[in-house]
């Protein structure tokens, strides 16, 4: 959202403006606008922390303030990549927050897109990290906020794509790398060759015996690594960043702070 304020004042303001040059007025006005922009940025972060349960730093810190200058007396406050334009290109925070603001279905995460392309994630379903009572999450698969860790997701996707036929048909160097990455075992009775990741066999359940999702088996212990759930749909908006402008009265505060900076500049000029 953009902060662009026109300040109209009484006699005190007019006297202050008379002793200042045009350049001094613009500097003071830019300082006031930036005070309001920084205030709104902090309010955005506080609202994100209030509304969401343990939001990731990527979302909280994505709030970016494009500051005003004497040549451009307006500021822009909005979520963007890593809190700055040109930051590391991940998923656009505005896209992540869009369903929360307007309602509707949540956009697929990158891991969901990958699983769907692999034919693992059924159509109309998305993923969820299972709670302890459902046999998860798998130790080491999630961070402190319960989100899947990037390194684990990459290892899991590679695991699911790698089979024994791929190893057998690969060139020697590639085959050796695949053999080194996982522990391969052969069941003498079934003659089935399977792979282990960190001592666990990971498999996909269609829901017939276990809940739909990706499971891990270590000995007799089962862990639900990723649960497949029906597509998430937000019926009621949870956050309205644009409404913060009204609630915080940032326009009124900006006008007040601009007048204050002009008065301070006039005072230093000898008024």
C-alpha atoms as a PDB file:
ATOM      1  CA  UNK A   1       0.000   0.000   0.000  1.00  0.00           C
ATOM      2  CA  UNK A   2       1.167   3.496  -0.798  1.00  0.00           C
ATOM      3  CA  UNK A   3       1.546   6.374   1.666  1.00  0.00           C
ATOM      4  CA  UNK A   4       1.217   9.738  -0.040  1.00  0.00           C
ATOM      5  CA  UNK A   5       0.036  12.558   2.222  1.00  0.00           C
ATOM      6  CA  UNK A   6      -0.826  16.178   1.519  1.00  0.00           C
ATOM      7  CA  UNK A   7      -0.418  18.335   4.600  1.00  0.00           C
ATOM      8  CA  UNK A   8      -2.646  21.331   5.099  1.00  0.00           C
ATOM      9  CA  UNK A   9      -2.146  23.405   8.225  1.00  0.00           C
ATOM     10  CA  UNK A  10      -3.075  26.602   9.978  1.00  0.00           C
ATOM     11  CA  UNK A  11      -1.094  29.746  10.681  1.00  0.00           C
ATOM     12  CA  UNK A  12       1.695  27.987  12.581  1.00  0.00           C
ATOM     13  CA  UNK A  13       2.421  25.746   9.636  1.00  0.00           C
ATOM     14  CA  UNK A  14       2.319  28.621   7.156  1.00  0.00           C
ATOM     15  CA  UNK A  15       4.847  30.601   9.243  1.00  0.00           C
ATOM     16  CA  UNK A  16       7.123  27.547   9.382  1.00  0.00           C
ATOM     17  CA  UNK A  17       6.924  27.098   5.630  1.00  0.00           C
ATOM     18  CA  UNK A  18       7.823  30.758   5.027  1.00  0.00           C
ATOM     19  CA  UNK A  19      11.252  30.399   6.672  1.00  0.00           C
ATOM     20  CA  UNK A  20      12.165  27.164   4.907  1.00  0.00           C
ATOM     21  CA  UNK A  21      13.377  26.661   1.390  1.00  0.00           C
ATOM     22  CA  UNK A  22      11.544  24.306  -0.925  1.00  0.00           C
ATOM     23  CA  UNK A  23      14.320  21.749  -0.493  1.00  0.00           C
ATOM     24  CA  UNK A  24      14.138  21.912   3.321  1.00  0.00           C
ATOM     25  CA  UNK A  25      10.374  21.389   3.232  1.00  0.00           C
ATOM     26  CA  UNK A  26      10.750  18.316   1.008  1.00  0.00           C
ATOM     27  CA  UNK A  27      13.412  16.818   3.289  1.00  0.00           C
ATOM     28  CA  UNK A  28      11.188  17.310   6.337  1.00  0.00           C
ATOM     29  CA  UNK A  29       8.140  15.919   4.517  1.00  0.00           C
ATOM     30  CA  UNK A  30      10.087  12.830   3.393  1.00  0.00           C
ATOM     31  CA  UNK A  31      11.167  12.197   6.998  1.00  0.00           C
ATOM     32  CA  UNK A  32       7.540  12.382   8.169  1.00  0.00           C
ATOM     33  CA  UNK A  33       6.309  10.040   5.423  1.00  0.00           C
ATOM     34  CA  UNK A  34       9.044   7.529   6.281  1.00  0.00           C
ATOM     35  CA  UNK A  35       8.103   7.627   9.964  1.00  0.00           C
ATOM     36  CA  UNK A  36       4.559   6.670   8.926  1.00  0.00           C
ATOM     37  CA  UNK A  37       5.808   3.981   6.525  1.00  0.00           C
ATOM     38  CA  UNK A  38       7.998   2.396   9.197  1.00  0.00           C
ATOM     39  CA  UNK A  39       5.065   2.497  11.623  1.00  0.00           C
ATOM     40  CA  UNK A  40       2.820   0.742   9.100  1.00  0.00           C
ATOM     41  CA  UNK A  41       5.515  -1.839   8.366  1.00  0.00           C
ATOM     42  CA  UNK A  42       5.774  -2.707  12.065  1.00  0.00           C
ATOM     43  CA  UNK A  43       1.963  -2.896  12.271  1.00  0.00           C
ATOM     44  CA  UNK A  44       1.916  -5.326   9.316  1.00  0.00           C
ATOM     45  CA  UNK A  45       4.453  -7.607  10.967  1.00  0.00           C
ATOM     46  CA  UNK A  46       2.547  -7.511  14.260  1.00  0.00           C
ATOM     47  CA  UNK A  47      -0.719  -8.383  12.461  1.00  0.00           C
ATOM     48  CA  UNK A  48       0.903 -11.335  10.669  1.00  0.00           C
ATOM     49  CA  UNK A  49       2.268 -12.632  13.988  1.00  0.00           C
ATOM     50  CA  UNK A  50      -1.151 -12.168  15.648  1.00  0.00           C
ATOM     51  CA  UNK A  51      -3.237 -13.861  12.975  1.00  0.00           C
ATOM     52  CA  UNK A  52      -1.041 -16.834  12.093  1.00  0.00           C
ATOM     53  CA  UNK A  53       0.181 -19.640  14.315  1.00  0.00           C
ATOM     54  CA  UNK A  54       3.993 -19.490  14.318  1.00  0.00           C
ATOM     55  CA  UNK A  55       4.454 -17.765  10.936  1.00  0.00           C
ATOM     56  CA  UNK A  56       7.804 -18.351   9.272  1.00  0.00           C
ATOM     57  CA  UNK A  57      10.443 -15.589   9.319  1.00  0.00           C
ATOM     58  CA  UNK A  58      10.203 -15.616   5.503  1.00  0.00           C
ATOM     59  CA  UNK A  59       6.634 -14.257   5.727  1.00  0.00           C
ATOM     60  CA  UNK A  60       7.122 -11.952   8.721  1.00  0.00           C
ATOM     61  CA  UNK A  61      10.307 -10.394   7.366  1.00  0.00           C
ATOM     62  CA  UNK A  62       8.898 -10.054   3.847  1.00  0.00           C
ATOM     63  CA  UNK A  63       7.306  -6.694   4.726  1.00  0.00           C
ATOM     64  CA  UNK A  64       9.286  -4.143   2.734  1.00  0.00           C
ATOM     65  CA  UNK A  65       9.272  -0.358   3.105  1.00  0.00           C
ATOM     66  CA  UNK A  66      10.173   1.569  -0.042  1.00  0.00           C
ATOM     67  CA  UNK A  67      11.134   4.854   1.599  1.00  0.00           C
ATOM     68  CA  UNK A  68      10.231   8.351   0.463  1.00  0.00           C
ATOM     69  CA  UNK A  69      12.872  10.822  -0.710  1.00  0.00           C
ATOM     70  CA  UNK A  70      12.798  14.623  -1.159  1.00  0.00           C
ATOM     71  CA  UNK A  71      12.327  13.935  -4.875  1.00  0.00           C
ATOM     72  CA  UNK A  72       9.599  11.315  -4.309  1.00  0.00           C
ATOM     73  CA  UNK A  73       7.329  12.229  -1.407  1.00  0.00           C
ATOM     74  CA  UNK A  74       5.564   8.873  -1.189  1.00  0.00           C
ATOM     75  CA  UNK A  75       6.407   5.513   0.362  1.00  0.00           C
ATOM     76  CA  UNK A  76       5.298   1.981  -0.422  1.00  0.00           C
ATOM     77  CA  UNK A  77       4.778  -0.771   2.155  1.00  0.00           C
ATOM     78  CA  UNK A  78       4.100  -4.352   1.027  1.00  0.00           C
ATOM     79  CA  UNK A  79       5.271  -7.970   1.412  1.00  0.00           C
ATOM     80  CA  UNK A  80       7.928  -8.893  -1.131  1.00  0.00           C
ATOM     81  CA  UNK A  81      10.770 -11.372  -1.595  1.00  0.00           C
ATOM     82  CA  UNK A  82      12.912 -11.526   1.579  1.00  0.00           C
ATOM     83  CA  UNK A  83      11.721  -8.075   2.583  1.00  0.00           C
ATOM     84  CA  UNK A  84      13.300  -6.321  -0.367  1.00  0.00           C
ATOM     85  CA  UNK A  85      12.867  -6.117  -4.142  1.00  0.00           C
ATOM     86  CA  UNK A  86      15.397  -8.324  -5.891  1.00  0.00           C
ATOM     87  CA  UNK A  87      15.723 -10.659  -2.899  1.00  0.00           C
ATOM     88  CA  UNK A  88      16.120 -14.418  -3.260  1.00  0.00           C
ATOM     89  CA  UNK A  89      13.334 -15.581  -5.535  1.00  0.00           C
ATOM     90  CA  UNK A  90      11.189 -17.955  -3.551  1.00  0.00           C
ATOM     91  CA  UNK A  91       7.408 -18.118  -3.505  1.00  0.00           C
ATOM     92  CA  UNK A  92       5.981 -14.601  -3.680  1.00  0.00           C
ATOM     93  CA  UNK A  93       4.757 -13.735  -0.144  1.00  0.00           C
ATOM     94  CA  UNK A  94       1.862 -11.802  -1.657  1.00  0.00           C
ATOM     95  CA  UNK A  95       0.670 -15.021  -3.307  1.00  0.00           C
ATOM     96  CA  UNK A  96       0.987 -16.879  -0.012  1.00  0.00           C
ATOM     97  CA  UNK A  97      -1.115 -14.259   1.776  1.00  0.00           C
ATOM     98  CA  UNK A  98      -3.651 -13.758  -1.015  1.00  0.00           C
ATOM     99  CA  UNK A  99      -5.935 -16.653  -0.026  1.00  0.00           C
ATOM    100  CA  UNK A 100      -5.745 -15.529   3.589  1.00  0.00           C
ATOM    101  CA  UNK A 101      -6.903 -12.033   2.592  1.00  0.00           C
ATOM    102  CA  UNK A 102      -9.591 -12.850   0.044  1.00  0.00           C
ATOM    103  CA  UNK A 103     -10.561 -16.406   0.985  1.00  0.00           C
ATOM    104  CA  UNK A 104     -10.518 -19.260  -1.499  1.00  0.00           C
ATOM    105  CA  UNK A 105      -8.156 -22.185  -1.988  1.00  0.00           C
ATOM    106  CA  UNK A 106      -4.519 -22.166  -0.946  1.00  0.00           C
ATOM    107  CA  UNK A 107      -2.008 -22.215  -3.780  1.00  0.00           C
ATOM    108  CA  UNK A 108       0.072 -25.368  -4.128  1.00  0.00           C
ATOM    109  CA  UNK A 109       3.461 -25.320  -2.479  1.00  0.00           C
ATOM    110  CA  UNK A 110       6.468 -26.256  -4.591  1.00  0.00           C
ATOM    111  CA  UNK A 111       6.713 -29.658  -2.915  1.00  0.00           C
ATOM    112  CA  UNK A 112       3.040 -30.273  -3.759  1.00  0.00           C
ATOM    113  CA  UNK A 113       3.653 -29.388  -7.396  1.00  0.00           C
ATOM    114  CA  UNK A 114       6.611 -31.800  -7.477  1.00  0.00           C
ATOM    115  CA  UNK A 115       4.668 -34.630  -5.824  1.00  0.00           C
ATOM    116  CA  UNK A 116       1.748 -34.114  -8.210  1.00  0.00           C
ATOM    117  CA  UNK A 117       4.035 -34.206 -11.236  1.00  0.00           C
ATOM    118  CA  UNK A 118       5.502 -37.473  -9.927  1.00  0.00           C
ATOM    119  CA  UNK A 119       2.005 -38.958  -9.667  1.00  0.00           C
ATOM    120  CA  UNK A 120       2.304 -39.287  -5.885  1.00  0.00           C
ATOM    121  CA  UNK A 121      -0.115 -36.566  -4.746  1.00  0.00           C
ATOM    122  CA  UNK A 122      -3.683 -37.202  -5.983  1.00  0.00           C
ATOM    123  CA  UNK A 123      -5.653 -34.504  -7.747  1.00  0.00           C
ATOM    124  CA  UNK A 124      -7.659 -32.269  -5.413  1.00  0.00           C
ATOM    125  CA  UNK A 125      -5.415 -32.945  -2.441  1.00  0.00           C
ATOM    126  CA  UNK A 126      -2.653 -31.036  -0.665  1.00  0.00           C
ATOM    127  CA  UNK A 127      -0.179 -31.944   2.054  1.00  0.00           C
ATOM    128  CA  UNK A 128      -0.120 -31.457   5.791  1.00  0.00           C
ATOM    129  CA  UNK A 129       2.415 -32.247   8.487  1.00  0.00           C
ATOM    130  CA  UNK A 130       0.827 -34.865  10.759  1.00  0.00           C
ATOM    131  CA  UNK A 131       0.530 -34.439  14.519  1.00  0.00           C
ATOM    132  CA  UNK A 132       2.042 -36.838  17.055  1.00  0.00           C
ATOM    133  CA  UNK A 133      -1.240 -38.714  17.537  1.00  0.00           C
ATOM    134  CA  UNK A 134      -1.212 -39.663  13.837  1.00  0.00           C
ATOM    135  CA  UNK A 135       2.254 -41.180  13.997  1.00  0.00           C
ATOM    136  CA  UNK A 136       4.220 -38.112  12.983  1.00  0.00           C
ATOM    137  CA  UNK A 137       6.004 -35.978  12.268  1.00  0.00           C
ATOM    138  CA  UNK A 138       9.077 -37.955  11.381  1.00  0.00           C
ATOM    139  CA  UNK A 139      11.971 -36.845  13.637  1.00  0.00           C
ATOM    140  CA  UNK A 140      14.174 -34.384  11.770  1.00  0.00           C
ATOM    141  CA  UNK A 141      11.661 -33.709   9.005  1.00  0.00           C
ATOM    142  CA  UNK A 142      10.222 -30.474  10.418  1.00  0.00           C
ATOM    143  CA  UNK A 143      11.527 -27.257  11.908  1.00  0.00           C
ATOM    144  CA  UNK A 144      10.534 -25.658  15.206  1.00  0.00           C
ATOM    145  CA  UNK A 145       7.332 -24.284  13.612  1.00  0.00           C
ATOM    146  CA  UNK A 146       6.180 -27.651  12.300  1.00  0.00           C
ATOM    147  CA  UNK A 147       7.017 -26.891   8.659  1.00  0.00           C
ATOM    148  CA  UNK A 148       8.839 -29.396   6.484  1.00  0.00           C
ATOM    149  CA  UNK A 149      12.562 -28.647   6.295  1.00  0.00           C
ATOM    150  CA  UNK A 150      13.911 -27.870   2.822  1.00  0.00           C
ATOM    151  CA  UNK A 151      16.886 -30.307   2.987  1.00  0.00           C
ATOM    152  CA  UNK A 152      14.579 -33.128   4.085  1.00  0.00           C
ATOM    153  CA  UNK A 153      12.084 -32.411   1.281  1.00  0.00           C
ATOM    154  CA  UNK A 154      14.851 -32.523  -1.335  1.00  0.00           C
ATOM    155  CA  UNK A 155      16.133 -35.859   0.005  1.00  0.00           C
ATOM    156  CA  UNK A 156      12.617 -37.268   0.128  1.00  0.00           C
ATOM    157  CA  UNK A 157      11.810 -36.283  -3.467  1.00  0.00           C
ATOM    158  CA  UNK A 158      15.068 -37.822  -4.667  1.00  0.00           C
ATOM    159  CA  UNK A 159      14.304 -40.987  -2.703  1.00  0.00           C
ATOM    160  CA  UNK A 160      10.855 -41.326  -4.260  1.00  0.00           C
ATOM    161  CA  UNK A 161      12.232 -40.886  -7.780  1.00  0.00           C
ATOM    162  CA  UNK A 162      15.073 -43.391  -7.381  1.00  0.00           C
ATOM    163  CA  UNK A 163      14.321 -47.088  -7.938  1.00  0.00           C
ATOM    164  CA  UNK A 164      16.444 -50.190  -8.525  1.00  0.00           C
ATOM    165  CA  UNK A 165      15.783 -50.153 -12.269  1.00  0.00           C
ATOM    166  CA  UNK A 166      17.253 -46.646 -12.395  1.00  0.00           C
ATOM    167  CA  UNK A 167      20.387 -47.848 -10.632  1.00  0.00           C
ATOM    168  CA  UNK A 168      20.732 -50.895 -12.869  1.00  0.00           C
ATOM    169  CA  UNK A 169      20.329 -48.836 -16.019  1.00  0.00           C
ATOM    170  CA  UNK A 170      22.569 -45.958 -14.958  1.00  0.00           C
ATOM    171  CA  UNK A 171      26.164 -45.432 -15.992  1.00  0.00           C
ATOM    172  CA  UNK A 172      28.739 -46.771 -13.587  1.00  0.00           C
ATOM    173  CA  UNK A 173      29.577 -43.460 -11.890  1.00  0.00           C
ATOM    174  CA  UNK A 174      25.930 -42.501 -11.488  1.00  0.00           C
ATOM    175  CA  UNK A 175      24.999 -45.987 -10.255  1.00  0.00           C
ATOM    176  CA  UNK A 176      27.759 -45.875  -7.653  1.00  0.00           C
ATOM    177  CA  UNK A 177      26.483 -42.518  -6.413  1.00  0.00           C
ATOM    178  CA  UNK A 178      22.929 -43.886  -6.110  1.00  0.00           C
ATOM    179  CA  UNK A 179      24.148 -46.972  -4.290  1.00  0.00           C
ATOM    180  CA  UNK A 180      26.150 -44.811  -1.901  1.00  0.00           C
ATOM    181  CA  UNK A 181      23.233 -42.470  -1.202  1.00  0.00           C
ATOM    182  CA  UNK A 182      20.914 -45.205   0.081  1.00  0.00           C
ATOM    183  CA  UNK A 183      21.121 -48.565   1.809  1.00  0.00           C
ATOM    184  CA  UNK A 184      19.776 -51.182  -0.585  1.00  0.00           C
ATOM    185  CA  UNK A 185      18.439 -54.493   0.668  1.00  0.00           C
ATOM    186  CA  UNK A 186      16.935 -57.572  -0.963  1.00  0.00           C
ATOM    187  CA  UNK A 187      14.245 -59.734   0.613  1.00  0.00           C
ATOM    188  CA  UNK A 188      15.231 -63.351  -0.014  1.00  0.00           C
ATOM    189  CA  UNK A 189      11.637 -64.612   0.120  1.00  0.00           C
ATOM    190  CA  UNK A 190       9.979 -62.022  -2.073  1.00  0.00           C
ATOM    191  CA  UNK A 191      13.137 -61.224  -4.072  1.00  0.00           C
ATOM    192  CA  UNK A 192      12.188 -57.588  -3.758  1.00  0.00           C
ATOM    193  CA  UNK A 193      14.995 -55.053  -3.709  1.00  0.00           C
ATOM    194  CA  UNK A 194      14.203 -51.919  -1.775  1.00  0.00           C
ATOM    195  CA  UNK A 195      16.070 -48.905  -0.464  1.00  0.00           C
ATOM    196  CA  UNK A 196      16.381 -47.354   2.977  1.00  0.00           C
ATOM    197  CA  UNK A 197      16.892 -43.698   3.862  1.00  0.00           C
ATOM    198  CA  UNK A 198      18.425 -43.293   7.296  1.00  0.00           C
ATOM    199  CA  UNK A 199      17.460 -46.894   8.033  1.00  0.00           C
ATOM    200  CA  UNK A 200      13.819 -46.370   7.031  1.00  0.00           C
ATOM    201  CA  UNK A 201      11.762 -47.566   4.111  1.00  0.00           C
ATOM    202  CA  UNK A 202       9.460 -44.858   2.839  1.00  0.00           C
ATOM    203  CA  UNK A 203       6.271 -45.666   0.944  1.00  0.00           C
ATOM    204  CA  UNK A 204       3.063 -44.039  -0.285  1.00  0.00           C
ATOM    205  CA  UNK A 205      -0.262 -45.136   1.200  1.00  0.00           C
ATOM    206  CA  UNK A 206      -3.480 -44.945  -0.823  1.00  0.00           C
ATOM    207  CA  UNK A 207      -5.575 -44.906   2.337  1.00  0.00           C
ATOM    208  CA  UNK A 208      -6.707 -48.527   2.227  1.00  0.00           C
ATOM    209  CA  UNK A 209      -4.808 -49.581   5.372  1.00  0.00           C
ATOM    210  CA  UNK A 210      -3.111 -46.437   6.593  1.00  0.00           C
ATOM    211  CA  UNK A 211      -4.090 -42.808   6.140  1.00  0.00           C
ATOM    212  CA  UNK A 212      -3.402 -41.360   2.706  1.00  0.00           C
ATOM    213  CA  UNK A 213       0.060 -39.928   2.549  1.00  0.00           C
ATOM    214  CA  UNK A 214       3.754 -40.745   2.690  1.00  0.00           C
ATOM    215  CA  UNK A 215       4.836 -43.084   5.482  1.00  0.00           C
ATOM    216  CA  UNK A 216       8.155 -44.299   6.884  1.00  0.00           C
ATOM    217  CA  UNK A 217       8.812 -47.704   8.449  1.00  0.00           C
ATOM    218  CA  UNK A 218      11.719 -48.351  10.786  1.00  0.00           C
ATOM    219  CA  UNK A 219      11.611 -51.780  12.310  1.00  0.00           C
ATOM    220  CA  UNK A 220       8.051 -52.123  13.603  1.00  0.00           C
ATOM    221  CA  UNK A 221       7.568 -48.389  14.069  1.00  0.00           C
ATOM    222  CA  UNK A 222       5.511 -46.432  11.552  1.00  0.00           C
ATOM    223  CA  UNK A 223       5.688 -42.683  11.025  1.00  0.00           C
ATOM    224  CA  UNK A 224       3.356 -40.578   8.898  1.00  0.00           C
ATOM    225  CA  UNK A 225       5.822 -38.316   7.107  1.00  0.00           C
ATOM    226  CA  UNK A 226       3.323 -36.295   5.063  1.00  0.00           C
ATOM    227  CA  UNK A 227      -0.459 -36.571   5.209  1.00  0.00           C
ATOM    228  CA  UNK A 228      -2.572 -36.040   2.102  1.00  0.00           C
ATOM    229  CA  UNK A 229      -5.631 -33.894   2.857  1.00  0.00           C
ATOM    230  CA  UNK A 230      -8.397 -32.365   0.770  1.00  0.00           C
ATOM    231  CA  UNK A 231      -7.464 -29.061  -0.827  1.00  0.00           C
ATOM    232  CA  UNK A 232      -7.369 -26.333   1.800  1.00  0.00           C
ATOM    233  CA  UNK A 233     -10.102 -23.730   1.319  1.00  0.00           C
ATOM    234  CA  UNK A 234     -10.329 -20.575   3.404  1.00  0.00           C
ATOM    235  CA  UNK A 235     -13.970 -19.582   3.685  1.00  0.00           C
ATOM    236  CA  UNK A 236     -13.357 -16.507   5.812  1.00  0.00           C
ATOM    237  CA  UNK A 237     -10.466 -14.088   5.257  1.00  0.00           C
ATOM    238  CA  UNK A 238      -8.052 -14.144   8.188  1.00  0.00           C
ATOM    239  CA  UNK A 239      -6.057 -11.020   7.472  1.00  0.00           C
ATOM    240  CA  UNK A 240      -6.632  -7.741   5.671  1.00  0.00           C
ATOM    241  CA  UNK A 241      -3.434  -5.770   5.290  1.00  0.00           C
ATOM    242  CA  UNK A 242      -5.188  -2.977   3.394  1.00  0.00           C
ATOM    243  CA  UNK A 243      -7.601  -2.529   6.302  1.00  0.00           C
ATOM    244  CA  UNK A 244      -4.607  -1.820   8.537  1.00  0.00           C
ATOM    245  CA  UNK A 245      -4.339   1.575   6.874  1.00  0.00           C
ATOM    246  CA  UNK A 246      -7.743   2.501   8.260  1.00  0.00           C
ATOM    247  CA  UNK A 247      -7.286   0.869  11.672  1.00  0.00           C
ATOM    248  CA  UNK A 248      -3.911   2.456  12.304  1.00  0.00           C
ATOM    249  CA  UNK A 249      -4.938   5.851  10.861  1.00  0.00           C
ATOM    250  CA  UNK A 250      -1.564   5.938   9.142  1.00  0.00           C
ATOM    251  CA  UNK A 251      -2.660   8.863   6.971  1.00  0.00           C
ATOM    252  CA  UNK A 252      -3.469  11.013  10.002  1.00  0.00           C
ATOM    253  CA  UNK A 253      -0.259  10.003  11.737  1.00  0.00           C
ATOM    254  CA  UNK A 254       1.757  10.773   8.604  1.00  0.00           C
ATOM    255  CA  UNK A 255       0.277  14.295   8.433  1.00  0.00           C
ATOM    256  CA  UNK A 256       1.049  14.820  12.124  1.00  0.00           C
ATOM    257  CA  UNK A 257       4.631  13.598  11.779  1.00  0.00           C
ATOM    258  CA  UNK A 258       5.232  15.660   8.649  1.00  0.00           C
ATOM    259  CA  UNK A 259       4.052  18.801  10.456  1.00  0.00           C
ATOM    260  CA  UNK A 260       6.308  17.908  13.374  1.00  0.00           C
ATOM    261  CA  UNK A 261       9.354  17.523  11.124  1.00  0.00           C
ATOM    262  CA  UNK A 262       8.555  20.855   9.412  1.00  0.00           C
ATOM    263  CA  UNK A 263       8.202  22.614  12.792  1.00  0.00           C
ATOM    264  CA  UNK A 264      11.514  21.125  13.922  1.00  0.00           C
ATOM    265  CA  UNK A 265      13.243  22.257  10.726  1.00  0.00           C
ATOM    266  CA  UNK A 266      11.780  25.771  11.110  1.00  0.00           C
ATOM    267  CA  UNK A 267      12.926  25.904  14.731  1.00  0.00           C
ATOM    268  CA  UNK A 268      16.478  25.031  13.691  1.00  0.00           C
ATOM    269  CA  UNK A 269      16.231  27.750  11.032  1.00  0.00           C
ATOM    270  CA  UNK A 270      15.520  30.332  13.723  1.00  0.00           C
ATOM    271  CA  UNK A 271      11.729  30.657  13.730  1.00  0.00           C
END
